Amino acid sequence: MTIALSFVSALLAPATVGAQQQPEANDPAYWGDDCFKIDEGTGDDTFRATRDYRLVVLKSGTVNDVFEDVEAGDVLSTASGRNVSHLILCTAVVSTTTTTTTIATTTTTTSGAPP
């Protein structure tokens, strides 16, 4: 029964990359140049993304829960159930594709009097 409950809990748990506990992991630069920190917590154990992020780090207690490829509307939860004390957000890499279409036109000019 314990194994079955553990399996169900694993299915319901947030999809985290891993928990980082190094002190430097609290510095946004540790995660990348596109990251910034919000020192105010969320007031509970969740964070709702209002945009796409490459990476989100939820700090709760001594653990950083790390989420990759977060999309706007995703609700992330700490694995411990503790309140989020601060967040690190890394902006999504946005790739743009520009398509150029060239349209050729042909103009025919007839000179002279009509028949």
PDB file of N, CA and C in Angstrom:
ATOM      1  N   MET A   1       0.828  -1.197   0.000  1.00  0.00           N
ATOM      2  CA  MET A   1       0.000   0.000   0.000  1.00  0.00           C
ATOM      3  C   MET A   1       0.867   1.253   0.000  1.00  0.00           C
ATOM      4  N   THR A   2       1.961   1.236   0.751  1.00  0.00           N
ATOM      5  CA  THR A   2       2.854   2.392   0.800  1.00  0.00           C
ATOM      6  C   THR A   2       3.430   2.682  -0.575  1.00  0.00           C
ATOM      7  N   ILE A   3       3.794   1.649  -1.302  1.00  0.00           N
ATOM      8  CA  ILE A   3       4.353   1.833  -2.637  1.00  0.00           C
ATOM      9  C   ILE A   3       3.313   2.460  -3.556  1.00  0.00           C
ATOM     10  N   ALA A   4       2.091   2.006  -3.494  1.00  0.00           N
ATOM     11  CA  ALA A   4       1.024   2.555  -4.333  1.00  0.00           C
ATOM     12  C   ALA A   4       0.777   4.018  -4.004  1.00  0.00           C
ATOM     13  N   LEU A   5       0.746   4.364  -2.719  1.00  0.00           N
ATOM     14  CA  LEU A   5       0.540   5.754  -2.321  1.00  0.00           C
ATOM     15  C   LEU A   5       1.706   6.613  -2.762  1.00  0.00           C
ATOM     16  N   SER A   6       2.924   6.107  -2.656  1.00  0.00           N
ATOM     17  CA  SER A   6       4.094   6.857  -3.096  1.00  0.00           C
ATOM     18  C   SER A   6       4.026   7.109  -4.590  1.00  0.00           C
ATOM     19  N   PHE A   7       3.587   6.108  -5.339  1.00  0.00           N
ATOM     20  CA  PHE A   7       3.471   6.248  -6.784  1.00  0.00           C
ATOM     21  C   PHE A   7       2.437   7.311  -7.144  1.00  0.00           C
ATOM     22  N   VAL A   8       1.289   7.299  -6.478  1.00  0.00           N
ATOM     23  CA  VAL A   8       0.245   8.290  -6.729  1.00  0.00           C
ATOM     24  C   VAL A   8       0.742   9.674  -6.348  1.00  0.00           C
ATOM     25  N   SER A   9       1.445   9.793  -5.233  1.00  0.00           N
ATOM     26  CA  SER A   9       1.990  11.083  -4.817  1.00  0.00           C
ATOM     27  C   SER A   9       2.971  11.602  -5.849  1.00  0.00           C
ATOM     28  N   ALA A  10       3.783  10.720  -6.399  1.00  0.00           N
ATOM     29  CA  ALA A  10       4.754  11.130  -7.414  1.00  0.00           C
ATOM     30  C   ALA A  10       4.052  11.648  -8.659  1.00  0.00           C
ATOM     31  N   LEU A  11       2.917  11.058  -9.015  1.00  0.00           N
ATOM     32  CA  LEU A  11       2.179  11.514 -10.186  1.00  0.00           C
ATOM     33  C   LEU A  11       1.559  12.888  -9.969  1.00  0.00           C
ATOM     34  N   LEU A  12       1.181  13.201  -8.744  1.00  0.00           N
ATOM     35  CA  LEU A  12       0.530  14.464  -8.443  1.00  0.00           C
ATOM     36  C   LEU A  12       1.510  15.570  -8.085  1.00  0.00           C
ATOM     37  N   ALA A  13       2.769  15.229  -7.841  1.00  0.00           N
ATOM     38  CA  ALA A  13       3.772  16.214  -7.438  1.00  0.00           C
ATOM     39  C   ALA A  13       4.121  17.119  -8.614  1.00  0.00           C
ATOM     40  N   PRO A  14       4.579  18.362  -8.321  1.00  0.00           N
ATOM     41  CA  PRO A  14       4.961  19.263  -9.402  1.00  0.00           C
ATOM     42  C   PRO A  14       6.163  18.714 -10.166  1.00  0.00           C
ATOM     43  N   ALA A  15       6.222  19.030 -11.446  1.00  0.00           N
ATOM     44  CA  ALA A  15       7.330  18.562 -12.280  1.00  0.00           C
ATOM     45  C   ALA A  15       8.516  19.497 -12.102  1.00  0.00           C
ATOM     46  N   THR A  16       9.363  19.167 -11.177  1.00  0.00           N
ATOM     47  CA  THR A  16      10.532  19.995 -10.918  1.00  0.00           C
ATOM     48  C   THR A  16      11.758  19.373 -11.549  1.00  0.00           C
ATOM     49  N   VAL A  17      12.717  20.234 -11.871  1.00  0.00           N
ATOM     50  CA  VAL A  17      13.988  19.759 -12.397  1.00  0.00           C
ATOM     51  C   VAL A  17      14.813  19.195 -11.261  1.00  0.00           C
ATOM     52  N   GLY A  18      14.745  19.824 -10.119  1.00  0.00           N
ATOM     53  CA  GLY A  18      15.509  19.371  -8.972  1.00  0.00           C
ATOM     54  C   GLY A  18      15.516  20.452  -7.914  1.00  0.00           C
ATOM     55  N   ALA A  19      15.940  20.084  -6.745  1.00  0.00           N
ATOM     56  CA  ALA A  19      16.012  21.040  -5.648  1.00  0.00           C
ATOM     57  C   ALA A  19      17.465  21.435  -5.450  1.00  0.00           C
ATOM     58  N   GLN A  20      17.741  22.710  -5.547  1.00  0.00           N
ATOM     59  CA  GLN A  20      19.095  23.235  -5.364  1.00  0.00           C
ATOM     60  C   GLN A  20      19.174  23.860  -3.978  1.00  0.00           C
ATOM     61  N   GLN A  21      20.207  23.505  -3.212  1.00  0.00           N
ATOM     62  CA  GLN A  21      20.310  24.042  -1.862  1.00  0.00           C
ATOM     63  C   GLN A  21      21.572  24.861  -1.649  1.00  0.00           C
ATOM     64  N   GLN A  22      22.379  25.080  -2.680  1.00  0.00           N
ATOM     65  CA  GLN A  22      23.582  25.877  -2.530  1.00  0.00           C
ATOM     66  C   GLN A  22      23.204  27.336  -2.277  1.00  0.00           C
ATOM     67  N   PRO A  23      23.949  28.028  -1.394  1.00  0.00           N
ATOM     68  CA  PRO A  23      23.643  29.444  -1.122  1.00  0.00           C
ATOM     69  C   PRO A  23      23.665  30.303  -2.388  1.00  0.00           C
ATOM     70  N   GLU A  24      24.583  30.011  -3.314  1.00  0.00           N
ATOM     71  CA  GLU A  24      24.668  30.806  -4.541  1.00  0.00           C
ATOM     72  C   GLU A  24      23.431  30.630  -5.426  1.00  0.00           C
ATOM     73  N   ALA A  25      22.653  29.592  -5.176  1.00  0.00           N
ATOM     74  CA  ALA A  25      21.432  29.361  -5.956  1.00  0.00           C
ATOM     75  C   ALA A  25      20.367  30.419  -5.655  1.00  0.00           C
ATOM     76  N   ASN A  26      20.566  31.233  -4.605  1.00  0.00           N
ATOM     77  CA  ASN A  26      19.646  32.323  -4.287  1.00  0.00           C
ATOM     78  C   ASN A  26      19.959  33.585  -5.085  1.00  0.00           C
ATOM     79  N   ASP A  27      21.045  33.555  -5.864  1.00  0.00           N
ATOM     80  CA  ASP A  27      21.451  34.679  -6.699  1.00  0.00           C
ATOM     81  C   ASP A  27      20.939  34.433  -8.118  1.00  0.00           C
ATOM     82  N   PRO A  28      20.181  35.374  -8.686  1.00  0.00           N
ATOM     83  CA  PRO A  28      19.644  35.150 -10.032  1.00  0.00           C
ATOM     84  C   PRO A  28      20.725  34.862 -11.076  1.00  0.00           C
ATOM     85  N   ALA A  29      21.912  35.450 -10.922  1.00  0.00           N
ATOM     86  CA  ALA A  29      23.000  35.238 -11.882  1.00  0.00           C
ATOM     87  C   ALA A  29      23.435  33.773 -11.928  1.00  0.00           C
ATOM     88  N   TYR A  30      23.226  33.041 -10.848  1.00  0.00           N
ATOM     89  CA  TYR A  30      23.553  31.615 -10.804  1.00  0.00           C
ATOM     90  C   TYR A  30      22.765  30.848 -11.865  1.00  0.00           C
ATOM     91  N   TRP A  31      21.554  31.299 -12.152  1.00  0.00           N
ATOM     92  CA  TRP A  31      20.650  30.606 -13.067  1.00  0.00           C
ATOM     93  C   TRP A  31      20.763  31.102 -14.500  1.00  0.00           C
ATOM     94  N   GLY A  32      21.335  32.301 -14.705  1.00  0.00           N
ATOM     95  CA  GLY A  32      21.509  32.820 -16.063  1.00  0.00           C
ATOM     96  C   GLY A  32      21.396  34.325 -16.120  1.00  0.00           C
ATOM     97  N   ASP A  33      21.843  34.885 -17.245  1.00  0.00           N
ATOM     98  CA  ASP A  33      21.827  36.336 -17.439  1.00  0.00           C
ATOM     99  C   ASP A  33      20.421  36.903 -17.582  1.00  0.00           C
ATOM    100  N   ASP A  34      19.466  36.062 -17.934  1.00  0.00           N
ATOM    101  CA  ASP A  34      18.098  36.526 -18.169  1.00  0.00           C
ATOM    102  C   ASP A  34      17.206  36.370 -16.941  1.00  0.00           C
ATOM    103  N   CYS A  35      17.819  36.173 -15.769  1.00  0.00           N
ATOM    104  CA  CYS A  35      17.049  35.892 -14.548  1.00  0.00           C
ATOM    105  C   CYS A  35      17.000  37.103 -13.625  1.00  0.00           C
ATOM    106  N   PHE A  36      15.904  37.222 -12.884  1.00  0.00           N
ATOM    107  CA  PHE A  36      15.767  38.265 -11.874  1.00  0.00           C
ATOM    108  C   PHE A  36      15.048  37.684 -10.665  1.00  0.00           C
ATOM    109  N   LYS A  37      15.214  38.367  -9.538  1.00  0.00           N
ATOM    110  CA  LYS A  37      14.692  37.858  -8.268  1.00  0.00           C
ATOM    111  C   LYS A  37      13.572  38.757  -7.758  1.00  0.00           C
ATOM    112  N   ILE A  38      12.533  38.137  -7.218  1.00  0.00           N
ATOM    113  CA  ILE A  38      11.463  38.848  -6.520  1.00  0.00           C
ATOM    114  C   ILE A  38      11.569  38.433  -5.060  1.00  0.00           C
ATOM    115  N   ASP A  39      11.951  39.392  -4.207  1.00  0.00           N
ATOM    116  CA  ASP A  39      12.204  39.080  -2.799  1.00  0.00           C
ATOM    117  C   ASP A  39      10.943  38.835  -1.989  1.00  0.00           C
ATOM    118  N   GLU A  40       9.815  39.365  -2.442  1.00  0.00           N
ATOM    119  CA  GLU A  40       8.571  39.147  -1.713  1.00  0.00           C
ATOM    120  C   GLU A  40       8.032  37.767  -2.077  1.00  0.00           C
ATOM    121  N   GLY A  41       7.616  37.038  -1.082  1.00  0.00           N
ATOM    122  CA  GLY A  41       7.010  35.731  -1.335  1.00  0.00           C
ATOM    123  C   GLY A  41       5.610  35.884  -1.897  1.00  0.00           C
ATOM    124  N   THR A  42       4.962  34.757  -2.113  1.00  0.00           N
ATOM    125  CA  THR A  42       3.613  34.785  -2.690  1.00  0.00           C
ATOM    126  C   THR A  42       2.517  34.727  -1.627  1.00  0.00           C
ATOM    127  N   GLY A  43       2.887  34.471  -0.369  1.00  0.00           N
ATOM    128  CA  GLY A  43       1.889  34.378   0.691  1.00  0.00           C
ATOM    129  C   GLY A  43       1.339  32.978   0.880  1.00  0.00           C
ATOM    130  N   ASP A  44       1.676  32.071  -0.045  1.00  0.00           N
ATOM    131  CA  ASP A  44       1.291  30.664   0.101  1.00  0.00           C
ATOM    132  C   ASP A  44       2.337  29.793  -0.593  1.00  0.00           C
ATOM    133  N   ASP A  45       1.976  28.571  -0.913  1.00  0.00           N
ATOM    134  CA  ASP A  45       2.964  27.644  -1.482  1.00  0.00           C
ATOM    135  C   ASP A  45       2.879  27.534  -3.004  1.00  0.00           C
ATOM    136  N   THR A  46       2.209  28.507  -3.649  1.00  0.00           N
ATOM    137  CA  THR A  46       2.056  28.439  -5.102  1.00  0.00           C
ATOM    138  C   THR A  46       2.486  29.732  -5.783  1.00  0.00           C
ATOM    139  N   PHE A  47       2.695  29.629  -7.084  1.00  0.00           N
ATOM    140  CA  PHE A  47       2.981  30.774  -7.948  1.00  0.00           C
ATOM    141  C   PHE A  47       2.279  30.520  -9.272  1.00  0.00           C
ATOM    142  N   ARG A  48       1.495  31.506  -9.734  1.00  0.00           N
ATOM    143  CA  ARG A  48       0.828  31.403 -11.039  1.00  0.00           C
ATOM    144  C   ARG A  48       1.607  32.268 -12.027  1.00  0.00           C
ATOM    145  N   ALA A  49       2.094  31.635 -13.086  1.00  0.00           N
ATOM    146  CA  ALA A  49       2.866  32.345 -14.102  1.00  0.00           C
ATOM    147  C   ALA A  49       1.942  33.216 -14.948  1.00  0.00           C
ATOM    148  N   THR A  50       2.322  34.472 -15.119  1.00  0.00           N
ATOM    149  CA  THR A  50       1.538  35.391 -15.939  1.00  0.00           C
ATOM    150  C   THR A  50       2.116  35.521 -17.342  1.00  0.00           C
ATOM    151  N   ARG A  51       3.239  34.837 -17.592  1.00  0.00           N
ATOM    152  CA  ARG A  51       3.891  34.812 -18.899  1.00  0.00           C
ATOM    153  C   ARG A  51       4.727  33.547 -18.998  1.00  0.00           C
ATOM    154  N   ASP A  52       5.334  33.306 -20.121  1.00  0.00           N
ATOM    155  CA  ASP A  52       6.215  32.150 -20.281  1.00  0.00           C
ATOM    156  C   ASP A  52       7.574  32.444 -19.655  1.00  0.00           C
ATOM    157  N   TYR A  53       8.148  31.429 -19.016  1.00  0.00           N
ATOM    158  CA  TYR A  53       9.484  31.539 -18.435  1.00  0.00           C
ATOM    159  C   TYR A  53      10.312  30.333 -18.845  1.00  0.00           C
ATOM    160  N   ARG A  54      11.574  30.567 -19.061  1.00  0.00           N
ATOM    161  CA  ARG A  54      12.513  29.481 -19.324  1.00  0.00           C
ATOM    162  C   ARG A  54      12.709  28.665 -18.062  1.00  0.00           C
ATOM    163  N   LEU A  55      12.729  29.362 -16.909  1.00  0.00           N
ATOM    164  CA  LEU A  55      12.996  28.714 -15.627  1.00  0.00           C
ATOM    165  C   LEU A  55      12.334  29.511 -14.513  1.00  0.00           C
ATOM    166  N   VAL A  56      11.766  28.815 -13.532  1.00  0.00           N
ATOM    167  CA  VAL A  56      11.219  29.447 -12.327  1.00  0.00           C
ATOM    168  C   VAL A  56      11.772  28.688 -11.133  1.00  0.00           C
ATOM    169  N   VAL A  57      12.270  29.438 -10.145  1.00  0.00           N
ATOM    170  CA  VAL A  57      12.781  28.848  -8.911  1.00  0.00           C
ATOM    171  C   VAL A  57      11.917  29.366  -7.766  1.00  0.00           C
ATOM    172  N   LEU A  58      11.262  28.456  -7.049  1.00  0.00           N
ATOM    173  CA  LEU A  58      10.471  28.815  -5.870  1.00  0.00           C
ATOM    174  C   LEU A  58      11.285  28.466  -4.641  1.00  0.00           C
ATOM    175  N   LYS A  59      11.617  29.453  -3.827  1.00  0.00           N
ATOM    176  CA  LYS A  59      12.372  29.224  -2.596  1.00  0.00           C
ATOM    177  C   LYS A  59      11.384  29.054  -1.456  1.00  0.00           C
ATOM    178  N   SER A  60      11.503  27.932  -0.741  1.00  0.00           N
ATOM    179  CA  SER A  60      10.668  27.687   0.439  1.00  0.00           C
ATOM    180  C   SER A  60      11.533  26.968   1.459  1.00  0.00           C
ATOM    181  N   GLY A  61      11.669  27.571   2.637  1.00  0.00           N
ATOM    182  CA  GLY A  61      12.551  26.974   3.642  1.00  0.00           C
ATOM    183  C   GLY A  61      13.979  26.971   3.137  1.00  0.00           C
ATOM    184  N   THR A  62      14.605  25.812   3.133  1.00  0.00           N
ATOM    185  CA  THR A  62      15.985  25.697   2.657  1.00  0.00           C
ATOM    186  C   THR A  62      16.067  25.096   1.260  1.00  0.00           C
ATOM    187  N   VAL A  63      14.930  24.960   0.597  1.00  0.00           N
ATOM    188  CA  VAL A  63      14.895  24.275  -0.697  1.00  0.00           C
ATOM    189  C   VAL A  63      14.454  25.225  -1.807  1.00  0.00           C
ATOM    190  N   ASN A  64      15.102  25.095  -2.957  1.00  0.00           N
ATOM    191  CA  ASN A  64      14.682  25.784  -4.176  1.00  0.00           C
ATOM    192  C   ASN A  64      14.055  24.748  -5.096  1.00  0.00           C
ATOM    193  N   ASP A  65      12.766  24.883  -5.375  1.00  0.00           N
ATOM    194  CA  ASP A  65      12.104  24.011  -6.346  1.00  0.00           C
ATOM    195  C   ASP A  65      12.254  24.658  -7.718  1.00  0.00           C
ATOM    196  N   VAL A  66      12.794  23.903  -8.668  1.00  0.00           N
ATOM    197  CA  VAL A  66      13.142  24.429  -9.983  1.00  0.00           C
ATOM    198  C   VAL A  66      12.195  23.861 -11.041  1.00  0.00           C
ATOM    199  N   PHE A  67      11.608  24.751 -11.838  1.00  0.00           N
ATOM    200  CA  PHE A  67      10.677  24.367 -12.896  1.00  0.00           C
ATOM    201  C   PHE A  67      11.194  24.916 -14.224  1.00  0.00           C
ATOM    202  N   GLU A  68      11.217  24.089 -15.250  1.00  0.00           N
ATOM    203  CA  GLU A  68      11.651  24.516 -16.583  1.00  0.00           C
ATOM    204  C   GLU A  68      10.457  24.637 -17.526  1.00  0.00           C
ATOM    205  N   ASP A  69      10.637  25.484 -18.539  1.00  0.00           N
ATOM    206  CA  ASP A  69       9.637  25.637 -19.607  1.00  0.00           C
ATOM    207  C   ASP A  69       8.237  25.904 -19.054  1.00  0.00           C
ATOM    208  N   VAL A  70       8.135  26.928 -18.229  1.00  0.00           N
ATOM    209  CA  VAL A  70       6.865  27.306 -17.607  1.00  0.00           C
ATOM    210  C   VAL A  70       6.077  28.172 -18.589  1.00  0.00           C
ATOM    211  N   GLU A  71       4.805  27.876 -18.725  1.00  0.00           N
ATOM    212  CA  GLU A  71       3.938  28.633 -19.630  1.00  0.00           C
ATOM    213  C   GLU A  71       2.975  29.503 -18.838  1.00  0.00           C
ATOM    214  N   ALA A  72       2.562  30.611 -19.441  1.00  0.00           N
ATOM    215  CA  ALA A  72       1.590  31.502 -18.810  1.00  0.00           C
ATOM    216  C   ALA A  72       0.371  30.693 -18.394  1.00  0.00           C
ATOM    217  N   GLY A  73      -0.075  30.907 -17.152  1.00  0.00           N
ATOM    218  CA  GLY A  73      -1.228  30.179 -16.627  1.00  0.00           C
ATOM    219  C   GLY A  73      -0.856  28.980 -15.778  1.00  0.00           C
ATOM    220  N   ASP A  74       0.390  28.490 -15.903  1.00  0.00           N
ATOM    221  CA  ASP A  74       0.823  27.361 -15.075  1.00  0.00           C
ATOM    222  C   ASP A  74       0.815  27.760 -13.604  1.00  0.00           C
ATOM    223  N   VAL A  75       0.352  26.867 -12.752  1.00  0.00           N
ATOM    224  CA  VAL A  75       0.389  27.080 -11.306  1.00  0.00           C
ATOM    225  C   VAL A  75       1.418  26.112 -10.741  1.00  0.00           C
ATOM    226  N   LEU A  76       2.460  26.668 -10.139  1.00  0.00           N
ATOM    227  CA  LEU A  76       3.550  25.874  -9.584  1.00  0.00           C
ATOM    228  C   LEU A  76       3.411  25.826  -8.075  1.00  0.00           C
ATOM    229  N   SER A  77       3.764  24.702  -7.475  1.00  0.00           N
ATOM    230  CA  SER A  77       3.671  24.528  -6.026  1.00  0.00           C
ATOM    231  C   SER A  77       5.001  24.048  -5.482  1.00  0.00           C
ATOM    232  N   THR A  78       5.288  24.449  -4.255  1.00  0.00           N
ATOM    233  CA  THR A  78       6.489  23.946  -3.602  1.00  0.00           C
ATOM    234  C   THR A  78       6.267  22.488  -3.222  1.00  0.00           C
ATOM    235  N   ALA A  79       7.315  21.688  -3.336  1.00  0.00           N
ATOM    236  CA  ALA A  79       7.211  20.265  -3.001  1.00  0.00           C
ATOM    237  C   ALA A  79       6.973  20.064  -1.510  1.00  0.00           C
ATOM    238  N   SER A  80       7.479  21.005  -0.692  1.00  0.00           N
ATOM    239  CA  SER A  80       7.363  20.873   0.760  1.00  0.00           C
ATOM    240  C   SER A  80       6.015  21.336   1.294  1.00  0.00           C
ATOM    241  N   GLY A  81       5.272  22.115   0.491  1.00  0.00           N
ATOM    242  CA  GLY A  81       4.025  22.692   0.979  1.00  0.00           C
ATOM    243  C   GLY A  81       4.244  23.959   1.791  1.00  0.00           C
ATOM    244  N   ARG A  82       5.503  24.377   1.922  1.00  0.00           N
ATOM    245  CA  ARG A  82       5.814  25.618   2.651  1.00  0.00           C
ATOM    246  C   ARG A  82       5.584  26.824   1.748  1.00  0.00           C
ATOM    247  N   ASN A  83       5.355  27.972   2.375  1.00  0.00           N
ATOM    248  CA  ASN A  83       5.151  29.205   1.622  1.00  0.00           C
ATOM    249  C   ASN A  83       6.399  29.587   0.837  1.00  0.00           C
ATOM    250  N   VAL A  84       6.191  30.213  -0.314  1.00  0.00           N
ATOM    251  CA  VAL A  84       7.286  30.711  -1.144  1.00  0.00           C
ATOM    252  C   VAL A  84       7.840  31.969  -0.482  1.00  0.00           C
ATOM    253  N   SER A  85       9.149  31.960  -0.167  1.00  0.00           N
ATOM    254  CA  SER A  85       9.760  33.135   0.459  1.00  0.00           C
ATOM    255  C   SER A  85      10.318  34.096  -0.577  1.00  0.00           C
ATOM    256  N   HIS A  86      10.815  33.593  -1.694  1.00  0.00           N
ATOM    257  CA  HIS A  86      11.199  34.428  -2.829  1.00  0.00           C
ATOM    258  C   HIS A  86      11.199  33.597  -4.102  1.00  0.00           C
ATOM    259  N   LEU A  87      11.228  34.295  -5.234  1.00  0.00           N
ATOM    260  CA  LEU A  87      11.196  33.638  -6.548  1.00  0.00           C
ATOM    261  C   LEU A  87      12.356  34.128  -7.390  1.00  0.00           C
ATOM    262  N   ILE A  88      12.826  33.269  -8.253  1.00  0.00           N
ATOM    263  CA  ILE A  88      13.754  33.670  -9.305  1.00  0.00           C
ATOM    264  C   ILE A  88      13.081  33.290 -10.616  1.00  0.00           C
ATOM    265  N   LEU A  89      12.962  34.275 -11.496  1.00  0.00           N
ATOM    266  CA  LEU A  89      12.286  34.080 -12.777  1.00  0.00           C
ATOM    267  C   LEU A  89      13.272  34.331 -13.905  1.00  0.00           C
ATOM    268  N   CYS A  90      13.321  33.416 -14.847  1.00  0.00           N
ATOM    269  CA  CYS A  90      14.197  33.546 -16.009  1.00  0.00           C
ATOM    270  C   CYS A  90      13.313  33.624 -17.239  1.00  0.00           C
ATOM    271  N   THR A  91      13.463  34.695 -17.983  1.00  0.00           N
ATOM    272  CA  THR A  91      12.575  34.949 -19.108  1.00  0.00           C
ATOM    273  C   THR A  91      12.727  33.903 -20.196  1.00  0.00           C
ATOM    274  N   ALA A  92      11.657  33.684 -20.888  1.00  0.00           N
ATOM    275  CA  ALA A  92      11.649  32.693 -21.970  1.00  0.00           C
ATOM    276  C   ALA A  92      12.423  33.228 -23.160  1.00  0.00           C
ATOM    277  N   VAL A  93      13.127  32.347 -23.809  1.00  0.00           N
ATOM    278  CA  VAL A  93      13.810  32.708 -25.041  1.00  0.00           C
ATOM    279  C   VAL A  93      12.759  32.692 -26.138  1.00  0.00           C
ATOM    280  N   VAL A  94      12.588  33.829 -26.750  1.00  0.00           N
ATOM    281  CA  VAL A  94      11.576  33.946 -27.788  1.00  0.00           C
ATOM    282  C   VAL A  94      12.287  33.997 -29.133  1.00  0.00           C
ATOM    283  N   SER A  95      11.975  33.062 -29.982  1.00  0.00           N
ATOM    284  CA  SER A  95      12.562  33.090 -31.321  1.00  0.00           C
ATOM    285  C   SER A  95      11.519  33.621 -32.293  1.00  0.00           C
ATOM    286  N   THR A  96      11.964  34.481 -33.163  1.00  0.00           N
ATOM    287  CA  THR A  96      11.052  35.034 -34.147  1.00  0.00           C
ATOM    288  C   THR A  96      11.539  34.659 -35.538  1.00  0.00           C
ATOM    289  N   THR A  97      10.617  34.413 -36.398  1.00  0.00           N
ATOM    290  CA  THR A  97      10.935  34.091 -37.781  1.00  0.00           C
ATOM    291  C   THR A  97      10.300  35.153 -38.661  1.00  0.00           C
ATOM    292  N   THR A  98      11.107  35.717 -39.533  1.00  0.00           N
ATOM    293  CA  THR A  98      10.606  36.726 -40.454  1.00  0.00           C
ATOM    294  C   THR A  98      10.537  36.109 -41.838  1.00  0.00           C
ATOM    295  N   THR A  99       9.400  36.224 -42.464  1.00  0.00           N
ATOM    296  CA  THR A  99       9.213  35.699 -43.813  1.00  0.00           C
ATOM    297  C   THR A  99       9.011  36.868 -44.760  1.00  0.00           C
ATOM    298  N   THR A 100       9.787  36.879 -45.834  1.00  0.00           N
ATOM    299  CA  THR A 100       9.659  37.923 -46.841  1.00  0.00           C
ATOM    300  C   THR A 100       9.105  37.296 -48.108  1.00  0.00           C
ATOM    301  N   THR A 101       8.060  37.894 -48.641  1.00  0.00           N
ATOM    302  CA  THR A 101       7.451  37.403 -49.874  1.00  0.00           C
ATOM    303  C   THR A 101       7.611  38.467 -50.948  1.00  0.00           C
ATOM    304  N   THR A 102       8.135  38.060 -52.090  1.00  0.00           N
ATOM    305  CA  THR A 102       8.296  38.978 -53.211  1.00  0.00           C
ATOM    306  C   THR A 102       7.277  38.604 -54.279  1.00  0.00           C
ATOM    307  N   ILE A 103       6.528  39.595 -54.726  1.00  0.00           N
ATOM    308  CA  ILE A 103       5.521  39.368 -55.758  1.00  0.00           C
ATOM    309  C   ILE A 103       5.987  40.085 -57.023  1.00  0.00           C
ATOM    310  N   ALA A 104       6.131  39.321 -58.092  1.00  0.00           N
ATOM    311  CA  ALA A 104       6.542  39.903 -59.369  1.00  0.00           C
ATOM    312  C   ALA A 104       5.300  40.337 -60.137  1.00  0.00           C
ATOM    313  N   THR A 105       5.372  41.518 -60.738  1.00  0.00           N
ATOM    314  CA  THR A 105       4.263  41.996 -61.562  1.00  0.00           C
ATOM    315  C   THR A 105       4.786  42.291 -62.963  1.00  0.00           C
ATOM    316  N   THR A 106       3.955  42.085 -63.925  1.00  0.00           N
ATOM    317  CA  THR A 106       4.314  42.352 -65.316  1.00  0.00           C
ATOM    318  C   THR A 106       3.318  43.355 -65.875  1.00  0.00           C
ATOM    319  N   THR A 107       3.843  44.372 -66.515  1.00  0.00           N
ATOM    320  CA  THR A 107       2.996  45.391 -67.129  1.00  0.00           C
ATOM    321  C   THR A 107       3.223  45.341 -68.633  1.00  0.00           C
ATOM    322  N   THR A 108       2.157  45.275 -69.407  1.00  0.00           N
ATOM    323  CA  THR A 108       2.252  45.253 -70.865  1.00  0.00           C
ATOM    324  C   THR A 108       1.697  46.560 -71.398  1.00  0.00           C
ATOM    325  N   THR A 109       2.483  47.204 -72.215  1.00  0.00           N
ATOM    326  CA  THR A 109       2.060  48.472 -72.804  1.00  0.00           C
ATOM    327  C   THR A 109       1.975  48.289 -74.318  1.00  0.00           C
ATOM    328  N   THR A 110       0.878  48.698 -74.895  1.00  0.00           N
ATOM    329  CA  THR A 110       0.693  48.616 -76.344  1.00  0.00           C
ATOM    330  C   THR A 110       0.652  50.033 -76.885  1.00  0.00           C
ATOM    331  N   SER A 111       1.446  50.278 -77.899  1.00  0.00           N
ATOM    332  CA  SER A 111       1.437  51.620 -78.468  1.00  0.00           C
ATOM    333  C   SER A 111       0.761  51.587 -79.838  1.00  0.00           C
ATOM    334  N   GLY A 112       0.299  52.696 -80.231  1.00  0.00           N
ATOM    335  CA  GLY A 112      -0.364  52.778 -81.531  1.00  0.00           C
ATOM    336  C   GLY A 112      -1.854  52.924 -81.369  1.00  0.00           C
ATOM    337  N   ALA A 113      -2.552  53.086 -82.488  1.00  0.00           N
ATOM    338  CA  ALA A 113      -3.993  53.287 -82.485  1.00  0.00           C
ATOM    339  C   ALA A 113      -4.707  51.961 -82.404  1.00  0.00           C
ATOM    340  N   PRO A 114      -5.854  51.935 -81.766  1.00  0.00           N
ATOM    341  CA  PRO A 114      -6.608  50.690 -81.699  1.00  0.00           C
ATOM    342  C   PRO A 114      -7.093  50.300 -83.098  1.00  0.00           C
ATOM    343  N   PRO A 115      -7.210  49.003 -83.386  1.00  0.00           N
ATOM    344  CA  PRO A 115      -7.639  48.583 -84.728  1.00  0.00           C
ATOM    345  C   PRO A 115      -9.071  48.926 -85.043  1.00  0.00           C
TER     346      PRO A 115
END
